[in-house]
Amino acid sequence: MAAESRHLLDAGLPAEEAVGAASWVARSWLGLPGLTEGAPAGLVAYDRDPVAHPEVLEHPARIVLRGRVVR
């Protein structure tokens, strides 16, 4: 996600669109349901807002995949 967002930022996309395109917006593009009960999802958490501070995308504070804490 960090690399994809960085490429989009470098291409001139605003931060909110770049971060969204590599995360929540991609769900609908891929035909996945939104974040609803029972929908497959992973979670990546950051210490700061990645839209305001895109550099934090390289350093997630927590990663949860399929309900398991990975980091």
N, C-alpha and C. Protein backbone atom coordinates (compact mmCIF):
# COMPACT_ATOMS: atom_id res chain seq x y z
N MET A 1 0.81 -1.18 0.00
CA MET A 1 0.00 0.00 0.00
C MET A 1 0.86 1.25 0.00
N ALA A 2 1.95 1.22 0.72
CA ALA A 2 2.81 2.41 0.80
C ALA A 2 3.39 2.76 -0.57
N ALA A 3 3.88 1.76 -1.28
CA ALA A 3 4.50 2.03 -2.59
C ALA A 3 3.47 2.54 -3.59
N GLU A 4 2.28 1.94 -3.60
CA GLU A 4 1.24 2.38 -4.52
C GLU A 4 0.83 3.81 -4.23
N SER A 5 0.65 4.12 -2.95
CA SER A 5 0.28 5.48 -2.57
C SER A 5 1.37 6.47 -2.95
N ARG A 6 2.61 6.09 -2.74
CA ARG A 6 3.73 6.98 -3.08
C ARG A 6 3.73 7.28 -4.57
N HIS A 7 3.51 6.28 -5.41
CA HIS A 7 3.47 6.50 -6.86
C HIS A 7 2.35 7.47 -7.23
N LEU A 8 1.19 7.30 -6.62
CA LEU A 8 0.06 8.18 -6.90
C LEU A 8 0.33 9.60 -6.42
N LEU A 9 0.94 9.73 -5.26
CA LEU A 9 1.31 11.06 -4.75
C LEU A 9 2.32 11.73 -5.67
N ASP A 10 3.31 10.96 -6.10
CA ASP A 10 4.33 11.49 -7.01
C ASP A 10 3.73 11.92 -8.35
N ALA A 11 2.63 11.27 -8.74
CA ALA A 11 1.95 11.61 -10.00
C ALA A 11 1.07 12.84 -9.84
N GLY A 12 0.92 13.33 -8.60
CA GLY A 12 0.17 14.56 -8.38
C GLY A 12 -1.21 14.39 -7.79
N LEU A 13 -1.61 13.16 -7.44
CA LEU A 13 -2.91 12.96 -6.81
C LEU A 13 -2.89 13.56 -5.41
N PRO A 14 -3.97 14.17 -4.97
CA PRO A 14 -4.04 14.64 -3.59
C PRO A 14 -3.91 13.45 -2.63
N ALA A 15 -3.40 13.70 -1.44
CA ALA A 15 -3.12 12.64 -0.47
C ALA A 15 -4.36 11.79 -0.16
N GLU A 16 -5.51 12.42 0.03
CA GLU A 16 -6.71 11.65 0.37
C GLU A 16 -7.08 10.67 -0.75
N GLU A 17 -6.94 11.10 -1.99
CA GLU A 17 -7.25 10.22 -3.12
C GLU A 17 -6.20 9.12 -3.27
N ALA A 18 -4.93 9.45 -3.06
CA ALA A 18 -3.85 8.46 -3.19
C ALA A 18 -3.97 7.37 -2.13
N VAL A 19 -4.20 7.76 -0.89
CA VAL A 19 -4.34 6.78 0.19
C VAL A 19 -5.62 5.97 -0.02
N GLY A 20 -6.70 6.62 -0.40
CA GLY A 20 -7.96 5.91 -0.65
C GLY A 20 -7.84 4.91 -1.78
N ALA A 21 -7.18 5.29 -2.86
CA ALA A 21 -7.04 4.40 -4.02
C ALA A 21 -6.26 3.14 -3.68
N ALA A 22 -5.39 3.22 -2.71
CA ALA A 22 -4.60 2.06 -2.31
C ALA A 22 -5.24 1.32 -1.14
N SER A 23 -6.43 1.74 -0.72
CA SER A 23 -7.05 1.08 0.42
C SER A 23 -8.57 1.00 0.25
N TRP A 24 -9.33 1.84 0.94
CA TRP A 24 -10.79 1.69 1.00
C TRP A 24 -11.48 1.86 -0.35
N VAL A 25 -11.02 2.74 -1.22
CA VAL A 25 -11.64 2.93 -2.52
C VAL A 25 -11.42 1.70 -3.41
N ALA A 26 -10.31 1.04 -3.22
CA ALA A 26 -9.99 -0.14 -4.02
C ALA A 26 -10.99 -1.27 -3.80
N ARG A 27 -11.61 -1.33 -2.64
CA ARG A 27 -12.59 -2.41 -2.36
C ARG A 27 -13.71 -2.41 -3.39
N SER A 28 -14.30 -1.26 -3.64
CA SER A 28 -15.41 -1.23 -4.60
C SER A 28 -14.91 -1.48 -6.02
N TRP A 29 -13.75 -0.97 -6.34
CA TRP A 29 -13.17 -1.20 -7.67
C TRP A 29 -12.94 -2.69 -7.91
N LEU A 30 -12.56 -3.41 -6.85
CA LEU A 30 -12.31 -4.85 -6.94
C LEU A 30 -13.60 -5.67 -6.82
N GLY A 31 -14.72 -4.98 -6.61
CA GLY A 31 -15.99 -5.68 -6.49
C GLY A 31 -16.24 -6.28 -5.12
N LEU A 32 -15.49 -5.85 -4.12
CA LEU A 32 -15.67 -6.34 -2.75
C LEU A 32 -16.70 -5.48 -2.04
N PRO A 33 -17.38 -6.05 -1.05
CA PRO A 33 -18.34 -5.25 -0.30
C PRO A 33 -17.61 -4.18 0.51
N GLY A 34 -18.37 -3.16 0.90
CA GLY A 34 -17.80 -2.14 1.78
C GLY A 34 -17.49 -2.73 3.14
N LEU A 35 -17.10 -1.91 4.05
CA LEU A 35 -16.77 -2.39 5.38
C LEU A 35 -18.07 -2.62 6.16
N THR A 36 -18.61 -3.81 5.97
CA THR A 36 -19.84 -4.21 6.62
C THR A 36 -19.59 -5.48 7.42
N GLU A 37 -20.50 -5.77 8.32
CA GLU A 37 -20.36 -6.97 9.13
C GLU A 37 -20.25 -8.21 8.25
N GLY A 38 -19.23 -9.01 8.51
CA GLY A 38 -19.01 -10.24 7.76
C GLY A 38 -18.20 -10.08 6.49
N ALA A 39 -17.92 -8.84 6.08
CA ALA A 39 -17.12 -8.62 4.87
C ALA A 39 -15.66 -8.93 5.16
N PRO A 40 -14.95 -9.52 4.19
CA PRO A 40 -13.52 -9.77 4.41
C PRO A 40 -12.78 -8.44 4.49
N ALA A 41 -11.88 -8.35 5.43
CA ALA A 41 -11.15 -7.09 5.59
C ALA A 41 -9.86 -7.31 6.36
N GLY A 42 -8.91 -6.47 6.11
CA GLY A 42 -7.71 -6.37 6.90
C GLY A 42 -7.69 -4.99 7.50
N LEU A 43 -6.82 -4.77 8.44
CA LEU A 43 -6.74 -3.48 9.11
C LEU A 43 -5.28 -3.09 9.24
N VAL A 44 -4.98 -1.88 8.87
CA VAL A 44 -3.65 -1.33 9.07
C VAL A 44 -3.83 -0.02 9.84
N ALA A 45 -3.18 0.11 10.98
CA ALA A 45 -3.31 1.30 11.82
C ALA A 45 -1.99 2.05 11.87
N TYR A 46 -2.10 3.35 11.98
CA TYR A 46 -0.92 4.22 12.00
C TYR A 46 -0.97 5.13 13.22
N ASP A 47 0.19 5.59 13.67
CA ASP A 47 0.27 6.50 14.80
C ASP A 47 -0.20 7.91 14.45
N ARG A 48 -0.15 8.23 13.16
CA ARG A 48 -0.61 9.55 12.68
C ARG A 48 -1.50 9.34 11.46
N ASP A 49 -2.26 10.35 11.11
CA ASP A 49 -3.16 10.31 9.97
C ASP A 49 -2.34 10.19 8.68
N PRO A 50 -2.49 9.10 7.92
CA PRO A 50 -1.70 8.93 6.70
C PRO A 50 -2.07 9.91 5.59
N VAL A 51 -3.27 10.49 5.65
CA VAL A 51 -3.63 11.51 4.66
C VAL A 51 -2.84 12.78 4.93
N ALA A 52 -2.72 13.16 6.19
CA ALA A 52 -1.95 14.36 6.56
C ALA A 52 -0.44 14.10 6.54
N HIS A 53 -0.05 12.85 6.79
CA HIS A 53 1.37 12.49 6.88
C HIS A 53 1.62 11.20 6.08
N PRO A 54 1.61 11.26 4.74
CA PRO A 54 1.74 10.04 3.92
C PRO A 54 3.00 9.22 4.20
N GLU A 55 4.01 9.84 4.76
CA GLU A 55 5.25 9.10 5.05
C GLU A 55 5.03 7.99 6.08
N VAL A 56 3.97 8.07 6.90
CA VAL A 56 3.72 7.01 7.89
C VAL A 56 3.26 5.71 7.24
N LEU A 57 2.85 5.75 5.97
CA LEU A 57 2.43 4.52 5.29
C LEU A 57 3.54 3.48 5.28
N GLU A 58 4.77 3.92 5.35
CA GLU A 58 5.92 3.00 5.38
C GLU A 58 6.10 2.33 6.74
N HIS A 59 5.41 2.85 7.77
CA HIS A 59 5.64 2.37 9.14
C HIS A 59 4.33 2.15 9.89
N PRO A 60 3.57 1.12 9.53
CA PRO A 60 2.31 0.88 10.25
C PRO A 60 2.55 0.50 11.70
N ALA A 61 1.66 0.96 12.57
CA ALA A 61 1.76 0.63 13.99
C ALA A 61 1.16 -0.74 14.28
N ARG A 62 0.13 -1.13 13.50
CA ARG A 62 -0.53 -2.41 13.71
C ARG A 62 -1.08 -2.91 12.39
N ILE A 63 -0.97 -4.23 12.16
CA ILE A 63 -1.54 -4.87 10.98
C ILE A 63 -2.35 -6.07 11.45
N VAL A 64 -3.61 -6.15 10.99
CA VAL A 64 -4.48 -7.28 11.32
C VAL A 64 -4.99 -7.85 10.00
N LEU A 65 -4.75 -9.14 9.78
CA LEU A 65 -5.21 -9.83 8.57
C LEU A 65 -6.08 -11.01 8.97
N ARG A 66 -7.28 -11.05 8.40
CA ARG A 66 -8.22 -12.15 8.69
C ARG A 66 -8.39 -12.38 10.19
N GLY A 67 -8.43 -11.29 10.95
CA GLY A 67 -8.65 -11.36 12.39
C GLY A 67 -7.44 -11.69 13.23
N ARG A 68 -6.28 -11.85 12.60
CA ARG A 68 -5.04 -12.16 13.35
C ARG A 68 -4.11 -10.96 13.32
N VAL A 69 -3.56 -10.61 14.48
CA VAL A 69 -2.58 -9.53 14.55
C VAL A 69 -1.28 -10.04 13.96
N VAL A 70 -0.82 -9.38 12.89
CA VAL A 70 0.40 -9.77 12.21
C VAL A 70 1.57 -8.93 12.74
N ARG A 71 1.26 -7.70 13.07
CA ARG A 71 2.29 -6.79 13.61
C ARG A 71 1.66 -5.84 14.59
